[in-house]
Amino acid sequence: MGNRAKQTILRGFGITLLSVCLSAGFTSLWYEIDANVTRGDILLVATLIRMICAPLCTYIGMKSRLKMEALALENARIANTDALTGLFNRRAFFDKIEALSPPSNEPLGPVTYFVCDIDHFKHFNDQHGHATGDAVLTHVASLFRGALPQRALIARIGGEEFAIRLTHRSGQFDANVFANRLIDRVASEPLILEGHCHSVTLSVGLFVGDQHTPPAQALKAADQAMYAAKANGRNQFVQAA
């Protein structure tokens, strides 16, 4: 028996017990007030009390349960989401990967990891304030959402770093072309904020593995490739060996 079934049975038992207790309490009180009351009158009123209390208690119980479930979902969302961009956070990124499993009737295809870092991000904070830096982050996150396929997993894993995981079939996806597309998308759509145009570029590192590649290992390789892209002049990508 599942937990939900057990909770339903216990809730029903509690409602019945409460109705009986209220009826018994009312009966005892009525006898105290009026010794001439008939048994039929008491049974009628006790039945009415049960008929009123049972749906009322059920409604209150359901409302409370729904409120608790909504609160639990909201707490889970907050725990797994980056508050600024609305993307997954680092912990949720790895949790989601662990929960993913390829369909049993499909061969294991390649998996590509991208680490994308906003170039000269410190400049936005130092020269224009943290509000502008935050706007840059949300702007880039929005561009990623528009450019990524539905199957992609994306997270903000650090200050100005984003991680992307893409599964695909062999021969049907070119990771280099996709990395260039991301870089061009961000570079071609500057952030317009309070009448100012802020150009944004990315340095991207990518690693191509498979479903058996440990995510932490893949992300580390992509991260090192990203730093190589920065060392090569930024606004470009490097593929890890």
C-alpha atoms as a PDB file:
ATOM      1  CA  MET A   1       0.000   0.000   0.000  1.00  0.00           C
ATOM      2  CA  GLY A   2       1.407   3.389  -1.009  1.00  0.00           C
ATOM      3  CA  ASN A   3       1.847   6.373   1.278  1.00  0.00           C
ATOM      4  CA  ARG A   4      -0.986   8.277  -0.419  1.00  0.00           C
ATOM      5  CA  ALA A   5      -3.434   5.376   0.165  1.00  0.00           C
ATOM      6  CA  LYS A   6      -2.390   5.146   3.807  1.00  0.00           C
ATOM      7  CA  GLN A   7      -2.865   8.889   4.254  1.00  0.00           C
ATOM      8  CA  THR A   8      -6.341   8.691   2.690  1.00  0.00           C
ATOM      9  CA  ILE A   9      -7.382   5.862   5.039  1.00  0.00           C
ATOM     10  CA  LEU A  10      -6.021   7.677   8.096  1.00  0.00           C
ATOM     11  CA  ARG A  11      -7.719  10.904   7.031  1.00  0.00           C
ATOM     12  CA  GLY A  12     -11.059   9.129   6.620  1.00  0.00           C
ATOM     13  CA  PHE A  13     -10.672   7.454  10.011  1.00  0.00           C
ATOM     14  CA  GLY A  14      -9.855  10.790  11.617  1.00  0.00           C
ATOM     15  CA  ILE A  15     -12.899  12.483  10.088  1.00  0.00           C
ATOM     16  CA  THR A  16     -15.196   9.660  11.274  1.00  0.00           C
ATOM     17  CA  LEU A  17     -13.697   9.718  14.781  1.00  0.00           C
ATOM     18  CA  LEU A  18     -14.089  13.488  15.001  1.00  0.00           C
ATOM     19  CA  SER A  19     -17.739  13.294  13.929  1.00  0.00           C
ATOM     20  CA  VAL A  20     -18.472  10.586  16.517  1.00  0.00           C
ATOM     21  CA  CYS A  21     -16.738  12.565  19.263  1.00  0.00           C
ATOM     22  CA  LEU A  22     -18.667  15.714  18.398  1.00  0.00           C
ATOM     23  CA  SER A  23     -21.941  13.777  18.353  1.00  0.00           C
ATOM     24  CA  ALA A  24     -21.190  12.109  21.691  1.00  0.00           C
ATOM     25  CA  GLY A  25     -20.176  15.414  23.224  1.00  0.00           C
ATOM     26  CA  PHE A  26     -23.314  17.121  22.001  1.00  0.00           C
ATOM     27  CA  THR A  27     -25.503  14.253  23.269  1.00  0.00           C
ATOM     28  CA  SER A  28     -23.950  14.434  26.726  1.00  0.00           C
ATOM     29  CA  LEU A  29     -24.386  18.216  26.846  1.00  0.00           C
ATOM     30  CA  TRP A  30     -28.011  17.990  25.743  1.00  0.00           C
ATOM     31  CA  TYR A  31     -28.802  15.484  28.493  1.00  0.00           C
ATOM     32  CA  GLU A  32     -27.281  17.882  30.992  1.00  0.00           C
ATOM     33  CA  ILE A  33     -29.465  20.753  29.771  1.00  0.00           C
ATOM     34  CA  ASP A  34     -32.718  18.890  29.164  1.00  0.00           C
ATOM     35  CA  ALA A  35     -33.343  15.564  30.903  1.00  0.00           C
ATOM     36  CA  ASN A  36     -36.662  15.149  29.047  1.00  0.00           C
ATOM     37  CA  VAL A  37     -35.108  14.979  25.585  1.00  0.00           C
ATOM     38  CA  THR A  38     -36.047  11.855  23.650  1.00  0.00           C
ATOM     39  CA  ARG A  39     -33.606   9.351  22.204  1.00  0.00           C
ATOM     40  CA  GLY A  40     -35.067   9.946  18.735  1.00  0.00           C
ATOM     41  CA  ASP A  41     -34.342  13.673  18.909  1.00  0.00           C
ATOM     42  CA  ILE A  42     -30.769  12.990  19.963  1.00  0.00           C
ATOM     43  CA  LEU A  43     -30.197  10.438  17.196  1.00  0.00           C
ATOM     44  CA  LEU A  44     -31.587  12.834  14.604  1.00  0.00           C
ATOM     45  CA  VAL A  45     -29.392  15.715  15.710  1.00  0.00           C
ATOM     46  CA  ALA A  46     -26.332  13.453  16.057  1.00  0.00           C
ATOM     47  CA  THR A  47     -26.882  12.235  12.479  1.00  0.00           C
ATOM     48  CA  LEU A  48     -27.167  15.812  11.236  1.00  0.00           C
ATOM     49  CA  ILE A  49     -23.915  16.706  13.017  1.00  0.00           C
ATOM     50  CA  ARG A  50     -22.137  13.827  11.307  1.00  0.00           C
ATOM     51  CA  MET A  51     -23.578  14.833   7.919  1.00  0.00           C
ATOM     52  CA  ILE A  52     -22.328  18.391   8.385  1.00  0.00           C
ATOM     53  CA  CYS A  53     -18.959  17.618   9.986  1.00  0.00           C
ATOM     54  CA  ALA A  54     -17.819  14.906   7.576  1.00  0.00           C
ATOM     55  CA  PRO A  55     -17.795  17.016   4.357  1.00  0.00           C
ATOM     56  CA  LEU A  56     -16.573  20.070   6.248  1.00  0.00           C
ATOM     57  CA  CYS A  57     -13.642  18.174   7.745  1.00  0.00           C
ATOM     58  CA  THR A  58     -12.941  16.572   4.366  1.00  0.00           C
ATOM     59  CA  TYR A  59     -12.825  19.992   2.709  1.00  0.00           C
ATOM     60  CA  ILE A  60     -10.526  21.416   5.385  1.00  0.00           C
ATOM     61  CA  GLY A  61      -8.265  18.357   5.162  1.00  0.00           C
ATOM     62  CA  MET A  62      -8.052  18.486   1.350  1.00  0.00           C
ATOM     63  CA  LYS A  63      -7.368  22.213   1.374  1.00  0.00           C
ATOM     64  CA  SER A  64      -4.601  21.744   3.928  1.00  0.00           C
ATOM     65  CA  ARG A  65      -3.085  18.859   1.936  1.00  0.00           C
ATOM     66  CA  LEU A  66      -3.151  20.829  -1.326  1.00  0.00           C
ATOM     67  CA  LYS A  67      -1.521  23.791   0.418  1.00  0.00           C
ATOM     68  CA  MET A  68       1.230  21.570   1.817  1.00  0.00           C
ATOM     69  CA  GLU A  69       1.826  19.938  -1.586  1.00  0.00           C
ATOM     70  CA  ALA A  70       2.017  23.362  -3.269  1.00  0.00           C
ATOM     71  CA  LEU A  71       4.473  24.529  -0.604  1.00  0.00           C
ATOM     72  CA  ALA A  72       6.610  21.422  -1.103  1.00  0.00           C
ATOM     73  CA  LEU A  73       6.673  21.977  -4.876  1.00  0.00           C
ATOM     74  CA  GLU A  74       7.616  25.624  -4.415  1.00  0.00           C
ATOM     75  CA  ASN A  75      10.407  24.716  -1.986  1.00  0.00           C
ATOM     76  CA  ALA A  76      11.722  22.140  -4.466  1.00  0.00           C
ATOM     77  CA  ARG A  77      11.614  24.729  -7.259  1.00  0.00           C
ATOM     78  CA  ILE A  78      13.527  27.256  -5.150  1.00  0.00           C
ATOM     79  CA  ALA A  79      16.112  24.631  -4.158  1.00  0.00           C
ATOM     80  CA  ASN A  80      16.719  23.623  -7.795  1.00  0.00           C
ATOM     81  CA  THR A  81      16.492  26.991  -9.540  1.00  0.00           C
ATOM     82  CA  ASP A  82      18.833  29.926  -9.948  1.00  0.00           C
ATOM     83  CA  ALA A  83      16.795  32.817  -8.584  1.00  0.00           C
ATOM     84  CA  LEU A  84      18.091  35.382 -11.082  1.00  0.00           C
ATOM     85  CA  THR A  85      17.838  33.570 -14.403  1.00  0.00           C
ATOM     86  CA  GLY A  86      15.222  30.932 -13.637  1.00  0.00           C
ATOM     87  CA  LEU A  87      17.542  28.215 -14.959  1.00  0.00           C
ATOM     88  CA  PHE A  88      18.565  25.108 -13.032  1.00  0.00           C
ATOM     89  CA  ASN A  89      21.382  25.609 -10.531  1.00  0.00           C
ATOM     90  CA  ARG A  90      24.516  23.478 -10.396  1.00  0.00           C
ATOM     91  CA  ARG A  91      23.097  20.881  -8.004  1.00  0.00           C
ATOM     92  CA  ALA A  92      19.913  20.465 -10.018  1.00  0.00           C
ATOM     93  CA  PHE A  93      21.957  20.131 -13.222  1.00  0.00           C
ATOM     94  CA  PHE A  94      23.726  17.044 -11.890  1.00  0.00           C
ATOM     95  CA  ASP A  95      20.561  15.688 -10.265  1.00  0.00           C
ATOM     96  CA  LYS A  96      18.691  15.918 -13.570  1.00  0.00           C
ATOM     97  CA  ILE A  97      21.497  14.147 -15.430  1.00  0.00           C
ATOM     98  CA  GLU A  98      21.488  11.355 -12.858  1.00  0.00           C
ATOM     99  CA  ALA A  99      17.730  10.972 -13.258  1.00  0.00           C
ATOM    100  CA  LEU A 100      17.927  10.760 -17.055  1.00  0.00           C
ATOM    101  CA  SER A 101      18.073   7.366 -18.686  1.00  0.00           C
ATOM    102  CA  PRO A 102      18.137   6.643 -22.422  1.00  0.00           C
ATOM    103  CA  PRO A 103      15.229   4.676 -23.942  1.00  0.00           C
ATOM    104  CA  SER A 104      15.927   0.945 -23.818  1.00  0.00           C
ATOM    105  CA  ASN A 105      15.184   0.539 -27.530  1.00  0.00           C
ATOM    106  CA  GLU A 106      17.685   3.197 -28.662  1.00  0.00           C
ATOM    107  CA  PRO A 107      21.475   2.883 -28.878  1.00  0.00           C
ATOM    108  CA  LEU A 108      23.532   5.150 -26.647  1.00  0.00           C
ATOM    109  CA  GLY A 109      24.469   8.189 -28.703  1.00  0.00           C
ATOM    110  CA  PRO A 110      26.965  10.986 -28.092  1.00  0.00           C
ATOM    111  CA  VAL A 111      26.455  13.534 -25.323  1.00  0.00           C
ATOM    112  CA  THR A 112      27.948  17.005 -25.643  1.00  0.00           C
ATOM    113  CA  TYR A 113      28.690  19.272 -22.709  1.00  0.00           C
ATOM    114  CA  PHE A 114      29.191  23.011 -23.171  1.00  0.00           C
ATOM    115  CA  VAL A 115      30.546  25.467 -20.619  1.00  0.00           C
ATOM    116  CA  CYS A 116      29.780  29.059 -21.644  1.00  0.00           C
ATOM    117  CA  ASP A 117      31.345  32.018 -19.876  1.00  0.00           C
ATOM    118  CA  ILE A 118      30.414  35.658 -20.464  1.00  0.00           C
ATOM    119  CA  ASP A 119      33.503  37.585 -21.565  1.00  0.00           C
ATOM    120  CA  HIS A 120      34.625  40.570 -19.476  1.00  0.00           C
ATOM    121  CA  PHE A 121      31.688  40.163 -17.136  1.00  0.00           C
ATOM    122  CA  LYS A 122      33.503  42.009 -14.353  1.00  0.00           C
ATOM    123  CA  HIS A 123      33.496  45.061 -16.612  1.00  0.00           C
ATOM    124  CA  PHE A 124      29.684  45.211 -16.573  1.00  0.00           C
ATOM    125  CA  ASN A 125      29.596  45.138 -12.780  1.00  0.00           C
ATOM    126  CA  ASP A 126      32.493  47.550 -12.244  1.00  0.00           C
ATOM    127  CA  GLN A 127      31.605  50.088 -14.934  1.00  0.00           C
ATOM    128  CA  HIS A 128      27.813  49.984 -14.936  1.00  0.00           C
ATOM    129  CA  GLY A 129      26.790  48.465 -11.594  1.00  0.00           C
ATOM    130  CA  HIS A 130      25.539  45.095 -10.448  1.00  0.00           C
ATOM    131  CA  ALA A 131      22.045  45.766 -11.794  1.00  0.00           C
ATOM    132  CA  THR A 132      23.527  45.834 -15.295  1.00  0.00           C
ATOM    133  CA  GLY A 133      25.496  42.679 -14.570  1.00  0.00           C
ATOM    134  CA  ASP A 134      22.285  40.965 -13.492  1.00  0.00           C
ATOM    135  CA  ALA A 135      20.549  42.179 -16.654  1.00  0.00           C
ATOM    136  CA  VAL A 136      23.366  40.716 -18.768  1.00  0.00           C
ATOM    137  CA  LEU A 137      22.950  37.341 -17.081  1.00  0.00           C
ATOM    138  CA  THR A 138      19.183  37.246 -17.619  1.00  0.00           C
ATOM    139  CA  HIS A 139      19.657  38.446 -21.217  1.00  0.00           C
ATOM    140  CA  VAL A 140      22.078  35.633 -22.029  1.00  0.00           C
ATOM    141  CA  ALA A 141      19.867  33.077 -20.282  1.00  0.00           C
ATOM    142  CA  SER A 142      16.937  34.217 -22.419  1.00  0.00           C
ATOM    143  CA  LEU A 143      19.002  33.914 -25.617  1.00  0.00           C
ATOM    144  CA  PHE A 144      20.035  30.393 -24.623  1.00  0.00           C
ATOM    145  CA  ARG A 145      16.414  29.382 -24.092  1.00  0.00           C
ATOM    146  CA  GLY A 146      15.555  30.588 -27.575  1.00  0.00           C
ATOM    147  CA  ALA A 147      18.498  28.836 -29.213  1.00  0.00           C
ATOM    148  CA  LEU A 148      18.474  25.460 -27.484  1.00  0.00           C
ATOM    149  CA  PRO A 149      16.384  22.444 -28.484  1.00  0.00           C
ATOM    150  CA  GLN A 150      13.797  21.156 -26.037  1.00  0.00           C
ATOM    151  CA  ARG A 151      15.904  18.148 -25.060  1.00  0.00           C
ATOM    152  CA  ALA A 152      18.789  20.346 -23.875  1.00  0.00           C
ATOM    153  CA  LEU A 153      19.591  20.631 -20.185  1.00  0.00           C
ATOM    154  CA  ILE A 154      20.875  24.069 -19.176  1.00  0.00           C
ATOM    155  CA  ALA A 155      21.978  25.554 -15.868  1.00  0.00           C
ATOM    156  CA  ARG A 156      23.773  28.516 -14.406  1.00  0.00           C
ATOM    157  CA  ILE A 157      26.617  26.821 -12.567  1.00  0.00           C
ATOM    158  CA  GLY A 158      28.629  29.822 -11.389  1.00  0.00           C
ATOM    159  CA  GLY A 159      28.768  33.599 -11.429  1.00  0.00           C
ATOM    160  CA  GLU A 160      28.765  34.104 -15.201  1.00  0.00           C
ATOM    161  CA  GLU A 161      29.118  30.464 -16.234  1.00  0.00           C
ATOM    162  CA  PHE A 162      26.432  28.353 -17.859  1.00  0.00           C
ATOM    163  CA  ALA A 163      26.469  24.626 -18.562  1.00  0.00           C
ATOM    164  CA  ILE A 164      24.565  22.880 -21.346  1.00  0.00           C
ATOM    165  CA  ARG A 165      24.120  19.148 -21.918  1.00  0.00           C
ATOM    166  CA  LEU A 166      22.829  17.844 -25.227  1.00  0.00           C
ATOM    167  CA  THR A 167      22.130  14.260 -26.207  1.00  0.00           C
ATOM    168  CA  HIS A 168      22.019  13.399 -29.905  1.00  0.00           C
ATOM    169  CA  ARG A 169      22.480  10.581 -32.381  1.00  0.00           C
ATOM    170  CA  SER A 170      25.754   9.997 -34.187  1.00  0.00           C
ATOM    171  CA  GLY A 171      26.052  11.889 -37.450  1.00  0.00           C
ATOM    172  CA  GLN A 172      22.993  14.083 -36.787  1.00  0.00           C
ATOM    173  CA  PHE A 173      24.618  16.857 -34.775  1.00  0.00           C
ATOM    174  CA  ASP A 174      27.726  18.973 -35.218  1.00  0.00           C
ATOM    175  CA  ALA A 175      28.846  20.294 -31.833  1.00  0.00           C
ATOM    176  CA  ASN A 176      31.218  22.809 -33.399  1.00  0.00           C
ATOM    177  CA  VAL A 177      28.497  24.295 -35.586  1.00  0.00           C
ATOM    178  CA  PHE A 178      26.191  24.510 -32.594  1.00  0.00           C
ATOM    179  CA  ALA A 179      28.862  26.231 -30.452  1.00  0.00           C
ATOM    180  CA  ASN A 180      29.432  28.808 -33.198  1.00  0.00           C
ATOM    181  CA  ARG A 181      25.681  29.347 -33.447  1.00  0.00           C
ATOM    182  CA  LEU A 182      25.464  30.090 -29.723  1.00  0.00           C
ATOM    183  CA  ILE A 183      28.394  32.499 -29.874  1.00  0.00           C
ATOM    184  CA  ASP A 184      26.982  34.306 -32.915  1.00  0.00           C
ATOM    185  CA  ARG A 185      23.505  34.501 -31.377  1.00  0.00           C
ATOM    186  CA  VAL A 186      24.770  36.244 -28.237  1.00  0.00           C
ATOM    187  CA  ALA A 187      27.176  38.544 -30.114  1.00  0.00           C
ATOM    188  CA  SER A 188      24.518  39.622 -32.613  1.00  0.00           C
ATOM    189  CA  GLU A 189      21.908  40.543 -29.990  1.00  0.00           C
ATOM    190  CA  PRO A 190      23.348  43.141 -27.601  1.00  0.00           C
ATOM    191  CA  LEU A 191      21.570  44.076 -24.396  1.00  0.00           C
ATOM    192  CA  ILE A 192      19.665  47.365 -24.645  1.00  0.00           C
ATOM    193  CA  LEU A 193      19.275  48.788 -21.150  1.00  0.00           C
ATOM    194  CA  GLU A 194      18.113  52.317 -20.295  1.00  0.00           C
ATOM    195  CA  GLY A 195      19.095  53.574 -23.711  1.00  0.00           C
ATOM    196  CA  HIS A 196      22.564  52.005 -23.619  1.00  0.00           C
ATOM    197  CA  CYS A 197      23.739  49.206 -25.883  1.00  0.00           C
ATOM    198  CA  HIS A 198      25.882  46.585 -24.163  1.00  0.00           C
ATOM    199  CA  SER A 199      27.701  44.137 -26.440  1.00  0.00           C
ATOM    200  CA  VAL A 200      28.060  40.666 -24.961  1.00  0.00           C
ATOM    201  CA  THR A 201      30.293  37.821 -26.136  1.00  0.00           C
ATOM    202  CA  LEU A 202      30.930  34.272 -24.989  1.00  0.00           C
ATOM    203  CA  SER A 203      33.855  31.951 -24.583  1.00  0.00           C
ATOM    204  CA  VAL A 204      32.726  28.343 -24.949  1.00  0.00           C
ATOM    205  CA  GLY A 205      34.371  25.032 -24.139  1.00  0.00           C
ATOM    206  CA  LEU A 206      32.846  21.776 -25.281  1.00  0.00           C
ATOM    207  CA  PHE A 207      33.400  18.115 -24.636  1.00  0.00           C
ATOM    208  CA  VAL A 208      31.849  15.245 -26.575  1.00  0.00           C
ATOM    209  CA  GLY A 209      31.364  12.033 -24.605  1.00  0.00           C
ATOM    210  CA  ASP A 210      28.589   9.492 -24.242  1.00  0.00           C
ATOM    211  CA  GLN A 211      25.997   8.383 -21.701  1.00  0.00           C
ATOM    212  CA  HIS A 212      28.673   6.541 -19.718  1.00  0.00           C
ATOM    213  CA  THR A 213      30.952   9.591 -19.322  1.00  0.00           C
ATOM    214  CA  PRO A 214      30.796  10.828 -15.699  1.00  0.00           C
ATOM    215  CA  PRO A 215      29.120  14.272 -15.808  1.00  0.00           C
ATOM    216  CA  ALA A 216      31.654  15.852 -13.438  1.00  0.00           C
ATOM    217  CA  GLN A 217      34.518  14.641 -15.638  1.00  0.00           C
ATOM    218  CA  ALA A 218      32.813  15.884 -18.804  1.00  0.00           C
ATOM    219  CA  LEU A 219      32.056  19.282 -17.295  1.00  0.00           C
ATOM    220  CA  LYS A 220      35.630  19.655 -16.048  1.00  0.00           C
ATOM    221  CA  ALA A 221      36.982  18.949 -19.545  1.00  0.00           C
ATOM    222  CA  ALA A 222      34.559  21.462 -21.077  1.00  0.00           C
ATOM    223  CA  ASP A 223      35.512  24.025 -18.426  1.00  0.00           C
ATOM    224  CA  GLN A 224      39.222  23.662 -19.209  1.00  0.00           C
ATOM    225  CA  ALA A 225      38.446  24.055 -22.916  1.00  0.00           C
ATOM    226  CA  MET A 226      36.502  27.227 -22.123  1.00  0.00           C
ATOM    227  CA  TYR A 227      39.565  28.731 -20.416  1.00  0.00           C
ATOM    228  CA  ALA A 228      41.593  27.831 -23.507  1.00  0.00           C
ATOM    229  CA  ALA A 229      39.046  29.768 -25.597  1.00  0.00           C
ATOM    230  CA  LYS A 230      39.550  32.781 -23.352  1.00  0.00           C
ATOM    231  CA  ALA A 231      43.324  32.475 -23.633  1.00  0.00           C
ATOM    232  CA  ASN A 232      42.975  32.389 -27.431  1.00  0.00           C
ATOM    233  CA  GLY A 233      41.211  35.747 -27.503  1.00  0.00           C
ATOM    234  CA  ARG A 234      37.616  35.117 -26.324  1.00  0.00           C
ATOM    235  CA  ASN A 235      34.394  35.170 -28.383  1.00  0.00           C
ATOM    236  CA  GLN A 236      35.146  31.674 -29.677  1.00  0.00           C
ATOM    237  CA  PHE A 237      34.998  28.013 -28.719  1.00  0.00           C
ATOM    238  CA  VAL A 238      37.534  25.271 -28.078  1.00  0.00           C
ATOM    239  CA  GLN A 239      36.730  21.553 -28.123  1.00  0.00           C
ATOM    240  CA  ALA A 240      38.370  19.425 -25.457  1.00  0.00           C
ATOM    241  CA  ALA A 241      40.535  16.627 -26.765  1.00  0.00           C
END
